[in-house]
Amino acid sequence: MDPNAINNLTPEQRQAVMVQAQQQANEQIMQSMMQKMVKSCFEKCAGTSGDKLDSREQSCMASCQDRYLDTRAQVQEALAKRQNRA
């Protein structure tokens, strides 16, 4: 969007643009967090048992992902609160 174009928008349109930008930023944050979760949990839990995870590795992956998803929910809630204040 042309930087000068925002000056031609109504306050409601500006607000809508800002909300959309914030939502896109939030999505990127969450996507990055999920990618980090997969990498971190795999590095922590996967051994050298071959091309499949054994039961211990599967349990480790599930626990690790649960912790990340709990954290994700807390981050998402904080982002929503921040967005509502904007």
PDB file of N, CA and C in Angstrom:
ATOM      1  N   MET A   1       0.850  -1.176   0.000  1.00  0.00           N
ATOM      2  CA  MET A   1       0.000   0.000   0.000  1.00  0.00           C
ATOM      3  C   MET A   1       0.892   1.234   0.000  1.00  0.00           C
ATOM      4  N   ASP A   2       0.532   2.195  -0.790  1.00  0.00           N
ATOM      5  CA  ASP A   2       1.244   3.468  -0.867  1.00  0.00           C
ATOM      6  C   ASP A   2       1.147   4.159   0.496  1.00  0.00           C
ATOM      7  N   PRO A   3       2.280   4.586   1.046  1.00  0.00           N
ATOM      8  CA  PRO A   3       2.242   5.229   2.371  1.00  0.00           C
ATOM      9  C   PRO A   3       1.315   6.438   2.424  1.00  0.00           C
ATOM     10  N   ASN A   4       1.181   7.168   1.333  1.00  0.00           N
ATOM     11  CA  ASN A   4       0.294   8.333   1.314  1.00  0.00           C
ATOM     12  C   ASN A   4      -1.175   7.931   1.215  1.00  0.00           C
ATOM     13  N   ALA A   5      -1.434   6.730   0.725  1.00  0.00           N
ATOM     14  CA  ALA A   5      -2.814   6.281   0.539  1.00  0.00           C
ATOM     15  C   ALA A   5      -3.542   6.160   1.873  1.00  0.00           C
ATOM     16  N   ILE A   6      -2.830   5.827   2.921  1.00  0.00           N
ATOM     17  CA  ILE A   6      -3.488   5.663   4.223  1.00  0.00           C
ATOM     18  C   ILE A   6      -4.102   6.977   4.701  1.00  0.00           C
ATOM     19  N   ASN A   7      -3.520   8.095   4.284  1.00  0.00           N
ATOM     20  CA  ASN A   7      -4.070   9.394   4.669  1.00  0.00           C
ATOM     21  C   ASN A   7      -5.414   9.676   4.006  1.00  0.00           C
ATOM     22  N   ASN A   8      -5.694   8.980   2.910  1.00  0.00           N
ATOM     23  CA  ASN A   8      -6.956   9.179   2.194  1.00  0.00           C
ATOM     24  C   ASN A   8      -8.074   8.274   2.709  1.00  0.00           C
ATOM     25  N   LEU A   9      -7.752   7.416   3.682  1.00  0.00           N
ATOM     26  CA  LEU A   9      -8.746   6.482   4.218  1.00  0.00           C
ATOM     27  C   LEU A   9      -9.524   7.121   5.360  1.00  0.00           C
ATOM     28  N   THR A  10     -10.739   6.635   5.519  1.00  0.00           N
ATOM     29  CA  THR A  10     -11.536   7.075   6.663  1.00  0.00           C
ATOM     30  C   THR A  10     -10.945   6.445   7.923  1.00  0.00           C
ATOM     31  N   PRO A  11     -11.267   6.957   9.092  1.00  0.00           N
ATOM     32  CA  PRO A  11     -10.763   6.330  10.333  1.00  0.00           C
ATOM     33  C   PRO A  11     -11.131   4.851  10.437  1.00  0.00           C
ATOM     34  N   GLU A  12     -12.329   4.509   9.991  1.00  0.00           N
ATOM     35  CA  GLU A  12     -12.759   3.102  10.045  1.00  0.00           C
ATOM     36  C   GLU A  12     -11.901   2.244   9.120  1.00  0.00           C
ATOM     37  N   GLN A  13     -11.596   2.772   7.927  1.00  0.00           N
ATOM     38  CA  GLN A  13     -10.774   2.024   6.987  1.00  0.00           C
ATOM     39  C   GLN A  13      -9.350   1.872   7.520  1.00  0.00           C
ATOM     40  N   ARG A  14      -8.827   2.927   8.133  1.00  0.00           N
ATOM     41  CA  ARG A  14      -7.493   2.850   8.734  1.00  0.00           C
ATOM     42  C   ARG A  14      -7.456   1.788   9.823  1.00  0.00           C
ATOM     43  N   GLN A  15      -8.501   1.786  10.638  1.00  0.00           N
ATOM     44  CA  GLN A  15      -8.584   0.790  11.711  1.00  0.00           C
ATOM     45  C   GLN A  15      -8.615  -0.617  11.121  1.00  0.00           C
ATOM     46  N   ALA A  16      -9.384  -0.814  10.055  1.00  0.00           N
ATOM     47  CA  ALA A  16      -9.466  -2.132   9.420  1.00  0.00           C
ATOM     48  C   ALA A  16      -8.107  -2.561   8.864  1.00  0.00           C
ATOM     49  N   VAL A  17      -7.375  -1.633   8.278  1.00  0.00           N
ATOM     50  CA  VAL A  17      -6.041  -1.930   7.759  1.00  0.00           C
ATOM     51  C   VAL A  17      -5.112  -2.325   8.903  1.00  0.00           C
ATOM     52  N   MET A  18      -5.179  -1.597   9.994  1.00  0.00           N
ATOM     53  CA  MET A  18      -4.331  -1.894  11.148  1.00  0.00           C
ATOM     54  C   MET A  18      -4.669  -3.257  11.753  1.00  0.00           C
ATOM     55  N   VAL A  19      -5.955  -3.563  11.856  1.00  0.00           N
ATOM     56  CA  VAL A  19      -6.369  -4.862  12.397  1.00  0.00           C
ATOM     57  C   VAL A  19      -5.865  -5.989  11.499  1.00  0.00           C
ATOM     58  N   GLN A  20      -5.993  -5.810  10.186  1.00  0.00           N
ATOM     59  CA  GLN A  20      -5.529  -6.834   9.252  1.00  0.00           C
ATOM     60  C   GLN A  20      -4.015  -7.024   9.364  1.00  0.00           C
ATOM     61  N   ALA A  21      -3.281  -5.927   9.456  1.00  0.00           N
ATOM     62  CA  ALA A  21      -1.827  -6.020   9.597  1.00  0.00           C
ATOM     63  C   ALA A  21      -1.451  -6.739  10.888  1.00  0.00           C
ATOM     64  N   GLN A  22      -2.157  -6.445  11.967  1.00  0.00           N
ATOM     65  CA  GLN A  22      -1.877  -7.096  13.249  1.00  0.00           C
ATOM     66  C   GLN A  22      -2.189  -8.584  13.177  1.00  0.00           C
ATOM     67  N   GLN A  23      -3.292  -8.935  12.511  1.00  0.00           N
ATOM     68  CA  GLN A  23      -3.646 -10.347  12.376  1.00  0.00           C
ATOM     69  C   GLN A  23      -2.585 -11.096  11.572  1.00  0.00           C
ATOM     70  N   GLN A  24      -2.082 -10.467  10.513  1.00  0.00           N
ATOM     71  CA  GLN A  24      -1.040 -11.106   9.714  1.00  0.00           C
ATOM     72  C   GLN A  24       0.239 -11.278  10.525  1.00  0.00           C
ATOM     73  N   ALA A  25       0.584 -10.278  11.305  1.00  0.00           N
ATOM     74  CA  ALA A  25       1.769 -10.386  12.165  1.00  0.00           C
ATOM     75  C   ALA A  25       1.587 -11.500  13.187  1.00  0.00           C
ATOM     76  N   ASN A  26       0.395 -11.594  13.762  1.00  0.00           N
ATOM     77  CA  ASN A  26       0.111 -12.656  14.737  1.00  0.00           C
ATOM     78  C   ASN A  26       0.230 -14.033  14.092  1.00  0.00           C
ATOM     79  N   GLU A  27      -0.278 -14.171  12.869  1.00  0.00           N
ATOM     80  CA  GLU A  27      -0.189 -15.448  12.157  1.00  0.00           C
ATOM     81  C   GLU A  27       1.262 -15.834  11.922  1.00  0.00           C
ATOM     82  N   GLN A  28       2.084 -14.872  11.558  1.00  0.00           N
ATOM     83  CA  GLN A  28       3.500 -15.154  11.339  1.00  0.00           C
ATOM     84  C   GLN A  28       4.180 -15.584  12.625  1.00  0.00           C
ATOM     85  N   ILE A  29       3.834 -14.940  13.718  1.00  0.00           N
ATOM     86  CA  ILE A  29       4.398 -15.312  15.015  1.00  0.00           C
ATOM     87  C   ILE A  29       4.024 -16.751  15.356  1.00  0.00           C
ATOM     88  N   MET A  30       2.761 -17.095  15.153  1.00  0.00           N
ATOM     89  CA  MET A  30       2.298 -18.432  15.498  1.00  0.00           C
ATOM     90  C   MET A  30       2.921 -19.483  14.571  1.00  0.00           C
ATOM     91  N   GLN A  31       3.053 -19.166  13.296  1.00  0.00           N
ATOM     92  CA  GLN A  31       3.656 -20.101  12.354  1.00  0.00           C
ATOM     93  C   GLN A  31       5.120 -20.347  12.719  1.00  0.00           C
ATOM     94  N   SER A  32       5.820 -19.295  13.068  1.00  0.00           N
ATOM     95  CA  SER A  32       7.212 -19.420  13.481  1.00  0.00           C
ATOM     96  C   SER A  32       7.315 -20.274  14.744  1.00  0.00           C
ATOM     97  N   MET A  33       6.399 -20.066  15.676  1.00  0.00           N
ATOM     98  CA  MET A  33       6.406 -20.838  16.912  1.00  0.00           C
ATOM     99  C   MET A  33       6.179 -22.327  16.628  1.00  0.00           C
ATOM    100  N   MET A  34       5.283 -22.633  15.706  1.00  0.00           N
ATOM    101  CA  MET A  34       5.013 -24.035  15.374  1.00  0.00           C
ATOM    102  C   MET A  34       6.230 -24.683  14.719  1.00  0.00           C
ATOM    103  N   GLN A  35       6.907 -23.951  13.839  1.00  0.00           N
ATOM    104  CA  GLN A  35       8.101 -24.487  13.196  1.00  0.00           C
ATOM    105  C   GLN A  35       9.186 -24.757  14.235  1.00  0.00           C
ATOM    106  N   LYS A  36       9.339 -23.856  15.175  1.00  0.00           N
ATOM    107  CA  LYS A  36      10.322 -24.046  16.241  1.00  0.00           C
ATOM    108  C   LYS A  36       9.951 -25.241  17.106  1.00  0.00           C
ATOM    109  N   MET A  37       8.637 -25.422  17.347  1.00  0.00           N
ATOM    110  CA  MET A  37       8.187 -26.552  18.148  1.00  0.00           C
ATOM    111  C   MET A  37       8.596 -27.856  17.493  1.00  0.00           C
ATOM    112  N   VAL A  38       8.302 -27.988  16.219  1.00  0.00           N
ATOM    113  CA  VAL A  38       8.606 -29.235  15.520  1.00  0.00           C
ATOM    114  C   VAL A  38      10.109 -29.512  15.581  1.00  0.00           C
ATOM    115  N   LYS A  39      10.892 -28.505  15.276  1.00  0.00           N
ATOM    116  CA  LYS A  39      12.347 -28.682  15.269  1.00  0.00           C
ATOM    117  C   LYS A  39      12.871 -29.006  16.664  1.00  0.00           C
ATOM    118  N   SER A  40      12.454 -28.225  17.642  1.00  0.00           N
ATOM    119  CA  SER A  40      12.939 -28.411  19.002  1.00  0.00           C
ATOM    120  C   SER A  40      12.540 -29.770  19.569  1.00  0.00           C
ATOM    121  N   CYS A  41      11.278 -30.130  19.411  1.00  0.00           N
ATOM    122  CA  CYS A  41      10.805 -31.411  19.951  1.00  0.00           C
ATOM    123  C   CYS A  41      11.483 -32.584  19.249  1.00  0.00           C
ATOM    124  N   PHE A  42      11.653 -32.473  17.944  1.00  0.00           N
ATOM    125  CA  PHE A  42      12.293 -33.571  17.213  1.00  0.00           C
ATOM    126  C   PHE A  42      13.737 -33.730  17.659  1.00  0.00           C
ATOM    127  N   GLU A  43      14.448 -32.603  17.777  1.00  0.00           N
ATOM    128  CA  GLU A  43      15.849 -32.680  18.224  1.00  0.00           C
ATOM    129  C   GLU A  43      15.957 -33.233  19.637  1.00  0.00           C
ATOM    130  N   LYS A  44      14.990 -32.887  20.482  1.00  0.00           N
ATOM    131  CA  LYS A  44      15.014 -33.343  21.874  1.00  0.00           C
ATOM    132  C   LYS A  44      14.647 -34.817  21.990  1.00  0.00           C
ATOM    133  N   CYS A  45      13.674 -35.247  21.191  1.00  0.00           N
ATOM    134  CA  CYS A  45      13.076 -36.565  21.418  1.00  0.00           C
ATOM    135  C   CYS A  45      13.526 -37.670  20.470  1.00  0.00           C
ATOM    136  N   ALA A  46      13.825 -37.329  19.244  1.00  0.00           N
ATOM    137  CA  ALA A  46      14.137 -38.366  18.262  1.00  0.00           C
ATOM    138  C   ALA A  46      15.563 -38.860  18.443  1.00  0.00           C
ATOM    139  N   GLY A  47      15.686 -40.151  18.484  1.00  0.00           N
ATOM    140  CA  GLY A  47      17.002 -40.766  18.630  1.00  0.00           C
ATOM    141  C   GLY A  47      17.475 -41.306  17.294  1.00  0.00           C
ATOM    142  N   THR A  48      18.154 -42.402  17.382  1.00  0.00           N
ATOM    143  CA  THR A  48      18.695 -43.021  16.172  1.00  0.00           C
ATOM    144  C   THR A  48      18.068 -44.394  15.959  1.00  0.00           C
ATOM    145  N   SER A  49      16.782 -44.505  16.282  1.00  0.00           N
ATOM    146  CA  SER A  49      16.119 -45.809  16.212  1.00  0.00           C
ATOM    147  C   SER A  49      15.681 -46.174  14.798  1.00  0.00           C
ATOM    148  N   GLY A  50      16.079 -45.405  13.827  1.00  0.00           N
ATOM    149  CA  GLY A  50      15.703 -45.722  12.455  1.00  0.00           C
ATOM    150  C   GLY A  50      14.746 -44.702  11.898  1.00  0.00           C
ATOM    151  N   ASP A  51      13.899 -45.181  11.001  1.00  0.00           N
ATOM    152  CA  ASP A  51      12.997 -44.256  10.310  1.00  0.00           C
ATOM    153  C   ASP A  51      11.651 -44.083  11.002  1.00  0.00           C
ATOM    154  N   LYS A  52      11.477 -44.695  12.166  1.00  0.00           N
ATOM    155  CA  LYS A  52      10.239 -44.545  12.933  1.00  0.00           C
ATOM    156  C   LYS A  52      10.584 -44.225  14.384  1.00  0.00           C
ATOM    157  N   LEU A  53       9.680 -43.483  15.029  1.00  0.00           N
ATOM    158  CA  LEU A  53       9.865 -43.183  16.452  1.00  0.00           C
ATOM    159  C   LEU A  53       9.411 -44.373  17.280  1.00  0.00           C
ATOM    160  N   ASP A  54      10.207 -44.745  18.296  1.00  0.00           N
ATOM    161  CA  ASP A  54       9.765 -45.806  19.194  1.00  0.00           C
ATOM    162  C   ASP A  54       8.777 -45.219  20.208  1.00  0.00           C
ATOM    163  N   SER A  55       8.242 -46.047  21.085  1.00  0.00           N
ATOM    164  CA  SER A  55       7.190 -45.584  22.001  1.00  0.00           C
ATOM    165  C   SER A  55       7.698 -44.499  22.948  1.00  0.00           C
ATOM    166  N   ARG A  56       8.941 -44.592  23.400  1.00  0.00           N
ATOM    167  CA  ARG A  56       9.506 -43.570  24.279  1.00  0.00           C
ATOM    168  C   ARG A  56       9.629 -42.242  23.533  1.00  0.00           C
ATOM    169  N   GLU A  57      10.086 -42.297  22.305  1.00  0.00           N
ATOM    170  CA  GLU A  57      10.226 -41.080  21.499  1.00  0.00           C
ATOM    171  C   GLU A  57       8.857 -40.464  21.189  1.00  0.00           C
ATOM    172  N   GLN A  58       7.884 -41.301  20.926  1.00  0.00           N
ATOM    173  CA  GLN A  58       6.529 -40.814  20.657  1.00  0.00           C
ATOM    174  C   GLN A  58       5.952 -40.118  21.885  1.00  0.00           C
ATOM    175  N   SER A  59       6.165 -40.716  23.046  1.00  0.00           N
ATOM    176  CA  SER A  59       5.687 -40.127  24.297  1.00  0.00           C
ATOM    177  C   SER A  59       6.380 -38.789  24.551  1.00  0.00           C
ATOM    178  N   CYS A  60       7.667 -38.736  24.303  1.00  0.00           N
ATOM    179  CA  CYS A  60       8.436 -37.507  24.476  1.00  0.00           C
ATOM    180  C   CYS A  60       7.905 -36.429  23.524  1.00  0.00           C
ATOM    181  N   MET A  61       7.682 -36.792  22.271  1.00  0.00           N
ATOM    182  CA  MET A  61       7.165 -35.833  21.284  1.00  0.00           C
ATOM    183  C   MET A  61       5.801 -35.301  21.716  1.00  0.00           C
ATOM    184  N   ALA A  62       4.939 -36.180  22.195  1.00  0.00           N
ATOM    185  CA  ALA A  62       3.597 -35.761  22.613  1.00  0.00           C
ATOM    186  C   ALA A  62       3.679 -34.784  23.791  1.00  0.00           C
ATOM    187  N   SER A  63       4.512 -35.107  24.778  1.00  0.00           N
ATOM    188  CA  SER A  63       4.658 -34.216  25.934  1.00  0.00           C
ATOM    189  C   SER A  63       5.249 -32.875  25.529  1.00  0.00           C
ATOM    190  N   CYS A  64       6.257 -32.919  24.694  1.00  0.00           N
ATOM    191  CA  CYS A  64       6.918 -31.699  24.239  1.00  0.00           C
ATOM    192  C   CYS A  64       5.934 -30.819  23.466  1.00  0.00           C
ATOM    193  N   GLN A  65       5.180 -31.425  22.572  1.00  0.00           N
ATOM    194  CA  GLN A  65       4.201 -30.670  21.789  1.00  0.00           C
ATOM    195  C   GLN A  65       3.102 -30.104  22.681  1.00  0.00           C
ATOM    196  N   ASP A  66       2.688 -30.859  23.678  1.00  0.00           N
ATOM    197  CA  ASP A  66       1.678 -30.356  24.618  1.00  0.00           C
ATOM    198  C   ASP A  66       2.164 -29.097  25.325  1.00  0.00           C
ATOM    199  N   ARG A  67       3.421 -29.114  25.765  1.00  0.00           N
ATOM    200  CA  ARG A  67       3.983 -27.924  26.429  1.00  0.00           C
ATOM    201  C   ARG A  67       4.006 -26.731  25.470  1.00  0.00           C
ATOM    202  N   TYR A  68       4.420 -26.967  24.245  1.00  0.00           N
ATOM    203  CA  TYR A  68       4.444 -25.886  23.267  1.00  0.00           C
ATOM    204  C   TYR A  68       3.034 -25.372  22.978  1.00  0.00           C
ATOM    205  N   LEU A  69       2.083 -26.270  22.845  1.00  0.00           N
ATOM    206  CA  LEU A  69       0.716 -25.844  22.529  1.00  0.00           C
ATOM    207  C   LEU A  69       0.102 -25.066  23.688  1.00  0.00           C
ATOM    208  N   ASP A  70       0.424 -25.459  24.932  1.00  0.00           N
ATOM    209  CA  ASP A  70      -0.036 -24.682  26.084  1.00  0.00           C
ATOM    210  C   ASP A  70       0.556 -23.278  26.039  1.00  0.00           C
ATOM    211  N   THR A  71       1.835 -23.204  25.723  1.00  0.00           N
ATOM    212  CA  THR A  71       2.497 -21.909  25.602  1.00  0.00           C
ATOM    213  C   THR A  71       1.888 -21.104  24.464  1.00  0.00           C
ATOM    214  N   ARG A  72       1.615 -21.784  23.356  1.00  0.00           N
ATOM    215  CA  ARG A  72       0.998 -21.123  22.203  1.00  0.00           C
ATOM    216  C   ARG A  72      -0.339 -20.500  22.584  1.00  0.00           C
ATOM    217  N   ALA A  73      -1.133 -21.217  23.346  1.00  0.00           N
ATOM    218  CA  ALA A  73      -2.436 -20.702  23.777  1.00  0.00           C
ATOM    219  C   ALA A  73      -2.262 -19.443  24.627  1.00  0.00           C
ATOM    220  N   GLN A  74      -1.267 -19.451  25.498  1.00  0.00           N
ATOM    221  CA  GLN A  74      -1.017 -18.278  26.334  1.00  0.00           C
ATOM    222  C   GLN A  74      -0.550 -17.099  25.495  1.00  0.00           C
ATOM    223  N   VAL A  75       0.319 -17.359  24.515  1.00  0.00           N
ATOM    224  CA  VAL A  75       0.799 -16.297  23.629  1.00  0.00           C
ATOM    225  C   VAL A  75      -0.355 -15.753  22.803  1.00  0.00           C
ATOM    226  N   GLN A  76      -1.187 -16.647  22.289  1.00  0.00           N
ATOM    227  CA  GLN A  76      -2.323 -16.233  21.472  1.00  0.00           C
ATOM    228  C   GLN A  76      -3.272 -15.336  22.284  1.00  0.00           C
ATOM    229  N   GLU A  77      -3.497 -15.702  23.521  1.00  0.00           N
ATOM    230  CA  GLU A  77      -4.361 -14.901  24.389  1.00  0.00           C
ATOM    231  C   GLU A  77      -3.754 -13.517  24.622  1.00  0.00           C
ATOM    232  N   ALA A  78      -2.450 -13.476  24.851  1.00  0.00           N
ATOM    233  CA  ALA A  78      -1.778 -12.195  25.062  1.00  0.00           C
ATOM    234  C   ALA A  78      -1.827 -11.330  23.801  1.00  0.00           C
ATOM    235  N   LEU A  79      -1.646 -11.949  22.640  1.00  0.00           N
ATOM    236  CA  LEU A  79      -1.722 -11.202  21.382  1.00  0.00           C
ATOM    237  C   LEU A  79      -3.125 -10.659  21.151  1.00  0.00           C
ATOM    238  N   ALA A  80      -4.132 -11.446  21.484  1.00  0.00           N
ATOM    239  CA  ALA A  80      -5.523 -10.994  21.314  1.00  0.00           C
ATOM    240  C   ALA A  80      -5.803  -9.805  22.232  1.00  0.00           C
ATOM    241  N   LYS A  81      -5.313  -9.861  23.454  1.00  0.00           N
ATOM    242  CA  LYS A  81      -5.499  -8.737  24.383  1.00  0.00           C
ATOM    243  C   LYS A  81      -4.802  -7.494  23.857  1.00  0.00           C
ATOM    244  N   ARG A  82      -3.583  -7.675  23.337  1.00  0.00           N
ATOM    245  CA  ARG A  82      -2.839  -6.541  22.790  1.00  0.00           C
ATOM    246  C   ARG A  82      -3.571  -5.949  21.592  1.00  0.00           C
ATOM    247  N   GLN A  83      -4.113  -6.813  20.755  1.00  0.00           N
ATOM    248  CA  GLN A  83      -4.833  -6.366  19.561  1.00  0.00           C
ATOM    249  C   GLN A  83      -6.106  -5.608  19.953  1.00  0.00           C
ATOM    250  N   ASN A  84      -6.786  -6.050  20.987  1.00  0.00           N
ATOM    251  CA  ASN A  84      -8.011  -5.394  21.423  1.00  0.00           C
ATOM    252  C   ASN A  84      -7.748  -4.022  22.011  1.00  0.00           C
ATOM    253  N   ARG A  85      -6.530  -3.824  22.549  1.00  0.00           N
ATOM    254  CA  ARG A  85      -6.172  -2.522  23.096  1.00  0.00           C
ATOM    255  C   ARG A  85      -5.851  -1.523  21.987  1.00  0.00           C
ATOM    256  N   ALA A  86      -5.482  -2.039  20.820  1.00  0.00           N
ATOM    257  CA  ALA A  86      -5.082  -1.149  19.708  1.00  0.00           C
ATOM    258  C   ALA A  86      -6.243  -0.368  19.151  1.00  0.00           C
TER     259      ALA A  86
END
